[in-house]
């Protein structure tokens, strides 16, 4: 008898009420089955038929690991799967997305060629509700200091990281878990930490088909200022000392995001207050033209 092969890659799928679409994600991984790949699904307290779908798949695919937990959010589900994973690297796939046929083979080769890398970023096919598909190539990641990389990602928005078409080193994810106190944007602190902690490898090979849909949380303004402050704390909690000088400017950026949301909602008084707060924290960030032109219109007309 041969010893079981230790997984190289653990694919973790957090699932909440996606019974209709989950088979597409599962099939896209299982079709690439290999002894050095494991698949873990964390059912985050779904109230639809997700449990039945997973029970059926587990019967037919004994190597599928299914974890059930009370609903705790995407961050908690991801953390649970990462904690149970046995692979040295983790791919986090959303339940409504799918891997492309050669994704895991491509990533396996990249890991072998770059064992010290902390993150592998691939291309994706963005799929829109009308059926259109658009190829999105990964952003180039230069060899730079942690502060320079953090600035490009957090302030200049010149770096982009997405689940599904990215592979992460598990030890780094264990060091910076997904913050479970954030209802949206919980990936930002994790991606920022990964970018500054180890080399990043890019491939132009498409790895996943990412299905785009409206995100209601993106427009949820309940306790928005408090959540913005929490985001700033979480982002900088694990970043090195060399990055801490960016904290005020990033706080300004969060206020600018709140400013833009208030403008779109027609809440002029709150928008003005948010813009003044951004200026107080960082004049340079507040004077970026994309925000300044909105502010000029807002302050010029009552």
Protein backbone atom coordinates (compact mmCIF):
# COMPACT_ATOMS: atom_id res chain seq x y z
CA UNK A 1 0.00 0.00 0.00
CA UNK A 2 1.18 3.52 -0.76
CA UNK A 3 1.14 6.39 1.69
CA UNK A 4 -1.54 9.03 0.98
CA UNK A 5 -0.19 12.11 -0.74
CA UNK A 6 -0.20 15.27 1.35
CA UNK A 7 -2.19 18.02 -0.38
CA UNK A 8 -0.27 20.82 -2.03
CA UNK A 9 -3.37 22.93 -2.67
CA UNK A 10 -6.50 23.16 -0.54
CA UNK A 11 -9.49 24.65 -2.34
CA UNK A 12 -11.82 26.19 0.25
CA UNK A 13 -15.38 27.18 -0.70
CA UNK A 14 -17.49 29.12 1.82
CA UNK A 15 -21.16 28.51 1.00
CA UNK A 16 -24.25 30.34 2.19
CA UNK A 17 -27.57 29.77 0.41
CA UNK A 18 -26.03 28.98 -2.96
CA UNK A 19 -27.57 25.55 -3.51
CA UNK A 20 -28.51 26.42 -7.09
CA UNK A 21 -25.02 27.51 -8.15
CA UNK A 22 -22.79 25.47 -5.85
CA UNK A 23 -22.65 22.40 -8.16
CA UNK A 24 -20.97 24.54 -10.83
CA UNK A 25 -18.18 25.48 -8.43
CA UNK A 26 -17.81 21.94 -7.08
CA UNK A 27 -17.69 20.36 -10.54
CA UNK A 28 -15.07 22.84 -11.71
CA UNK A 29 -12.74 21.67 -8.91
CA UNK A 30 -13.56 17.96 -8.89
CA UNK A 31 -13.03 17.72 -12.66
CA UNK A 32 -9.37 18.59 -12.01
CA UNK A 33 -9.07 15.99 -9.27
CA UNK A 34 -5.55 15.10 -8.24
CA UNK A 35 -4.08 13.45 -5.18
CA UNK A 36 -2.30 16.62 -4.14
CA UNK A 37 -5.49 18.74 -4.17
CA UNK A 38 -8.17 18.71 -1.47
CA UNK A 39 -11.60 20.35 -1.56
CA UNK A 40 -13.22 21.74 1.58
CA UNK A 41 -16.67 23.32 1.67
CA UNK A 42 -17.81 25.25 4.73
CA UNK A 43 -21.60 25.45 4.85
CA UNK A 44 -22.14 28.69 6.77
CA UNK A 45 -25.57 27.98 8.21
CA UNK A 46 -27.42 27.90 4.90
CA UNK A 47 -31.22 27.85 5.09
CA UNK A 48 -31.77 26.58 1.54
CA UNK A 49 -30.85 23.15 0.11
CA UNK A 50 -27.08 23.66 0.31
CA UNK A 51 -26.80 20.89 2.90
CA UNK A 52 -28.62 18.42 0.62
CA UNK A 53 -26.41 19.32 -2.33
CA UNK A 54 -23.28 18.76 -0.25
CA UNK A 55 -24.57 15.46 1.14
CA UNK A 56 -25.14 14.19 -2.39
CA UNK A 57 -21.66 15.27 -3.54
CA UNK A 58 -19.99 13.80 -0.45
CA UNK A 59 -21.60 10.43 -1.19
CA UNK A 60 -20.21 10.43 -4.72
CA UNK A 61 -16.86 12.08 -3.89
CA UNK A 62 -15.48 10.67 -0.63
CA UNK A 63 -12.48 13.03 -0.69
CA UNK A 64 -14.75 16.08 -0.42
CA UNK A 65 -14.67 17.46 3.12
CA UNK A 66 -17.87 19.19 4.24
CA UNK A 67 -17.99 21.36 7.35
CA UNK A 68 -21.27 22.66 8.76
CA UNK A 69 -21.39 25.65 11.09
CA UNK A 70 -23.90 28.17 12.37
CA UNK A 71 -24.09 31.26 10.20
CA UNK A 72 -21.12 33.49 11.07
CA UNK A 73 -20.29 35.23 7.79
CA UNK A 74 -17.88 34.72 4.91
CA UNK A 75 -14.79 35.69 6.93
CA UNK A 76 -15.52 33.10 9.62
CA UNK A 77 -16.25 30.43 7.01
CA UNK A 78 -12.98 31.12 5.22
CA UNK A 79 -11.03 31.06 8.48
CA UNK A 80 -12.63 27.74 9.44
CA UNK A 81 -11.68 26.16 6.12
CA UNK A 82 -8.14 27.55 6.22
CA UNK A 83 -7.70 26.24 9.76
CA UNK A 84 -8.73 22.72 8.71
CA UNK A 85 -6.83 22.70 5.42
CA UNK A 86 -3.84 20.40 5.04
CA UNK A 87 -2.33 21.97 1.92
CA UNK A 88 0.61 24.33 2.07
CA UNK A 89 -1.33 26.65 -0.25
CA UNK A 90 -4.99 27.69 -0.27
CA UNK A 91 -7.28 28.79 -3.08
CA UNK A 92 -10.47 30.47 -1.84
CA UNK A 93 -13.29 30.03 -4.36
CA UNK A 94 -16.66 31.73 -3.94
CA UNK A 95 -19.62 29.39 -4.25
CA UNK A 96 -20.99 31.17 -7.32
CA UNK A 97 -17.70 31.16 -9.26
CA UNK A 98 -15.78 28.39 -11.03
CA UNK A 99 -12.24 27.34 -11.80
CA UNK A 100 -11.14 27.03 -15.41
CA UNK A 101 -10.03 23.54 -16.53
CA UNK A 102 -6.25 23.99 -16.25
CA UNK A 103 -6.20 26.26 -13.19
CA UNK A 104 -4.83 23.79 -10.66
CA UNK A 105 -2.24 22.37 -13.07
CA UNK A 106 -1.02 25.91 -13.79
CA UNK A 107 -0.78 26.73 -10.08
CA UNK A 108 1.00 23.48 -9.28
CA UNK A 109 3.75 24.37 -11.75
CA UNK A 110 4.05 27.90 -10.39
CA UNK A 111 4.42 26.69 -6.80
CA UNK A 112 7.16 24.27 -7.86
CA UNK A 113 9.00 27.07 -9.68
CA UNK A 114 8.55 29.69 -6.94
CA UNK A 115 8.45 27.93 -3.54
CA UNK A 116 9.09 31.14 -1.56
CA UNK A 117 6.20 33.11 -3.08
CA UNK A 118 3.39 34.05 -0.75
CA UNK A 119 0.79 34.79 -3.38
CA UNK A 120 0.12 33.80 -7.00
CA UNK A 121 -2.16 36.08 -9.03
CA UNK A 122 -3.75 34.89 -12.26
CA UNK A 123 -6.07 36.29 -14.90
CA UNK A 124 -9.83 35.89 -14.71
CA UNK A 125 -12.81 35.83 -17.01
CA UNK A 126 -15.37 38.26 -15.62
CA UNK A 127 -18.88 37.09 -16.52
CA UNK A 128 -21.70 39.64 -16.49
CA UNK A 129 -25.45 39.11 -16.08
CA UNK A 130 -26.06 39.64 -19.81
CA UNK A 131 -23.63 36.83 -20.67
CA UNK A 132 -20.71 39.04 -21.71
CA UNK A 133 -17.24 37.83 -20.70
CA UNK A 134 -14.17 40.01 -20.27
CA UNK A 135 -10.61 38.85 -19.75
CA UNK A 136 -8.96 40.68 -16.86
CA UNK A 137 -5.20 40.32 -16.53
CA UNK A 138 -3.56 40.59 -13.11
CA UNK A 139 -1.95 43.85 -12.07
CA UNK A 140 1.86 43.81 -12.28
CA UNK A 141 3.41 43.73 -8.80
CA UNK A 142 6.83 45.41 -8.78
CA UNK A 143 9.72 44.45 -6.54
CA UNK A 144 9.35 47.22 -3.96
CA UNK A 145 9.42 47.95 -0.25
CA UNK A 146 6.41 47.02 1.92
CA UNK A 147 5.46 50.69 2.24
CA UNK A 148 5.57 51.19 -1.54
CA UNK A 149 3.43 48.11 -2.13
CA UNK A 150 0.93 49.12 0.55
CA UNK A 151 0.69 52.58 -1.00
CA UNK A 152 0.03 51.15 -4.48
CA UNK A 153 -2.68 48.82 -3.15
CA UNK A 154 -4.41 50.88 -0.48
CA UNK A 155 -4.04 54.46 -1.74
CA UNK A 156 -3.32 54.44 -5.45
CA UNK A 157 -5.45 51.34 -6.18
CA UNK A 158 -2.93 50.19 -8.78
CA UNK A 159 -2.84 46.60 -7.49
CA UNK A 160 -5.79 44.25 -7.53
CA UNK A 161 -6.28 40.88 -5.83
CA UNK A 162 -9.35 38.65 -6.19
CA UNK A 163 -10.46 35.35 -4.74
CA UNK A 164 -10.80 32.48 -7.18
CA UNK A 165 -7.90 33.48 -9.42
CA UNK A 166 -5.35 33.77 -6.59
CA UNK A 167 -3.42 31.21 -4.56
CA UNK A 168 -2.13 32.01 -1.07
CA UNK A 169 0.43 30.42 1.22
CA UNK A 170 -1.51 28.93 4.13
CA UNK A 171 1.00 29.91 6.83
CA UNK A 172 0.52 33.58 5.90
CA UNK A 173 -3.26 33.25 6.05
CA UNK A 174 -2.96 31.76 9.52
CA UNK A 175 -0.86 34.75 10.59
CA UNK A 176 -3.44 37.25 9.25
CA UNK A 177 -6.92 35.67 9.43
CA UNK A 178 -9.90 37.31 7.80
CA UNK A 179 -11.32 39.85 10.29
CA UNK A 180 -14.71 38.51 11.34
CA UNK A 181 -15.87 41.89 12.67
CA UNK A 182 -16.13 43.31 9.14
CA UNK A 183 -19.29 42.68 7.13
CA UNK A 184 -17.73 43.78 3.84
CA UNK A 185 -14.22 44.31 2.55
CA UNK A 186 -12.81 41.74 4.96
CA UNK A 187 -10.37 40.65 2.27
CA UNK A 188 -8.58 44.04 2.15
CA UNK A 189 -6.56 43.60 5.39
CA UNK A 190 -5.60 40.07 4.32
CA UNK A 191 -4.54 41.04 0.81
CA UNK A 192 -2.53 44.00 2.11
CA UNK A 193 -0.67 41.72 4.51
CA UNK A 194 0.04 39.11 1.84
CA UNK A 195 1.38 41.73 -0.58
CA UNK A 196 4.00 43.02 1.86
CA UNK A 197 4.97 39.70 3.45
CA UNK A 198 6.43 37.57 0.65
CA UNK A 199 7.17 37.64 -3.09
CA UNK A 200 4.21 37.74 -5.48
CA UNK A 201 4.13 35.76 -8.73
CA UNK A 202 1.95 36.75 -11.70
CA UNK A 203 0.56 34.56 -14.46
CA UNK A 204 -1.44 35.79 -17.44
CA UNK A 205 -3.15 32.40 -17.63
CA UNK A 206 -6.90 32.70 -16.83
CA UNK A 207 -7.62 30.64 -13.70
CA UNK A 208 -11.28 31.29 -12.91
CA UNK A 209 -14.58 32.46 -14.27
CA UNK A 210 -15.84 35.13 -11.85
CA UNK A 211 -19.56 35.86 -12.04
CA UNK A 212 -20.39 39.51 -11.38
CA UNK A 213 -23.54 40.49 -9.55
CA UNK A 214 -24.85 43.38 -7.46
CA UNK A 215 -23.46 43.50 -3.92
CA UNK A 216 -26.05 44.92 -1.56
CA UNK A 217 -23.50 45.38 1.22
CA UNK A 218 -21.60 47.79 -1.00
CA UNK A 219 -24.48 50.26 -0.66
CA UNK A 220 -25.30 49.60 3.00
CA UNK A 221 -24.67 52.88 4.84
CA UNK A 222 -25.72 51.66 8.28
CA UNK A 223 -22.99 52.54 10.81
CA UNK A 224 -20.75 53.37 7.87
CA UNK A 225 -18.37 55.68 9.74
CA UNK A 226 -17.81 53.15 12.51
CA UNK A 227 -17.18 50.40 9.96
CA UNK A 228 -14.68 52.61 8.12
CA UNK A 229 -12.74 53.14 11.35
CA UNK A 230 -12.76 49.39 12.00
CA UNK A 231 -11.40 48.79 8.50
CA UNK A 232 -8.48 51.15 9.12
CA UNK A 233 -7.65 49.42 12.41
CA UNK A 234 -7.79 45.96 10.83
CA UNK A 235 -5.69 46.91 7.80
CA UNK A 236 -2.84 48.30 9.87
CA UNK A 237 -3.02 45.80 12.74
CA UNK A 238 -0.69 43.36 10.99
CA UNK A 239 1.30 45.62 8.65
CA UNK A 240 4.97 46.24 9.49
CA UNK A 241 6.21 49.42 11.16
CA UNK A 242 7.42 50.81 7.82
CA UNK A 243 3.80 50.97 6.62
CA UNK A 244 2.27 52.72 9.65
CA UNK A 245 3.02 56.19 8.27
CA UNK A 246 0.30 55.54 5.66
CA UNK A 247 -2.43 55.12 8.27
CA UNK A 248 -3.79 58.68 8.26
CA UNK A 249 -3.79 58.83 4.50
CA UNK A 250 -5.66 55.52 4.31
CA UNK A 251 -8.17 56.81 6.87
CA UNK A 252 -8.67 59.77 4.54
CA UNK A 253 -9.25 57.35 1.68
CA UNK A 254 -11.97 55.58 3.67
CA UNK A 255 -13.67 58.94 4.31
CA UNK A 256 -13.47 59.68 0.60
CA UNK A 257 -15.24 56.41 -0.11
CA UNK A 258 -17.94 57.44 2.38
CA UNK A 259 -18.07 60.86 0.70
CA UNK A 260 -18.68 59.28 -2.70
CA UNK A 261 -21.43 57.02 -1.32
CA UNK A 262 -23.14 60.00 0.34
CA UNK A 263 -22.99 61.98 -2.92
CA UNK A 264 -24.60 59.09 -4.80
CA UNK A 265 -27.30 58.89 -2.11
CA UNK A 266 -28.00 62.63 -2.44
CA UNK A 267 -27.00 63.21 1.19
CA UNK A 268 -25.16 66.50 0.60
CA UNK A 269 -24.70 67.53 4.22
CA UNK A 270 -23.08 64.23 5.20
CA UNK A 271 -21.00 64.23 2.02
CA UNK A 272 -19.58 67.64 2.90
CA UNK A 273 -18.73 66.47 6.42
CA UNK A 274 -16.98 63.36 5.12
CA UNK A 275 -14.94 65.38 2.64
CA UNK A 276 -13.85 67.83 5.34
CA UNK A 277 -12.75 64.87 7.49
CA UNK A 278 -10.70 63.51 4.58
CA UNK A 279 -9.02 66.90 4.06
CA UNK A 280 -8.19 67.09 7.78
CA UNK A 281 -6.52 63.67 7.64
CA UNK A 282 -4.69 64.05 4.31
CA UNK A 283 -4.88 66.99 1.97
CA UNK A 284 -2.92 65.09 -0.67
CA UNK A 285 -5.40 62.20 -0.73
CA UNK A 286 -8.44 64.50 -0.72
CA UNK A 287 -7.10 66.48 -3.68
CA UNK A 288 -7.09 63.48 -6.00
CA UNK A 289 -9.05 64.66 -9.01
CA UNK A 290 -11.63 61.86 -8.97
CA UNK A 291 -12.83 63.18 -5.58
CA UNK A 292 -11.94 66.86 -5.90
CA UNK A 293 -14.17 67.42 -8.92
CA UNK A 294 -17.15 65.99 -7.01
CA UNK A 295 -16.30 68.18 -4.01
CA UNK A 296 -16.09 71.31 -6.17
CA UNK A 297 -19.59 70.69 -7.53
CA UNK A 298 -20.90 69.84 -4.07
CA UNK A 299 -19.55 72.93 -2.29
CA UNK A 300 -20.34 75.27 -5.18
CA UNK A 301 -24.10 74.53 -5.12
CA UNK A 302 -26.13 74.16 -1.91
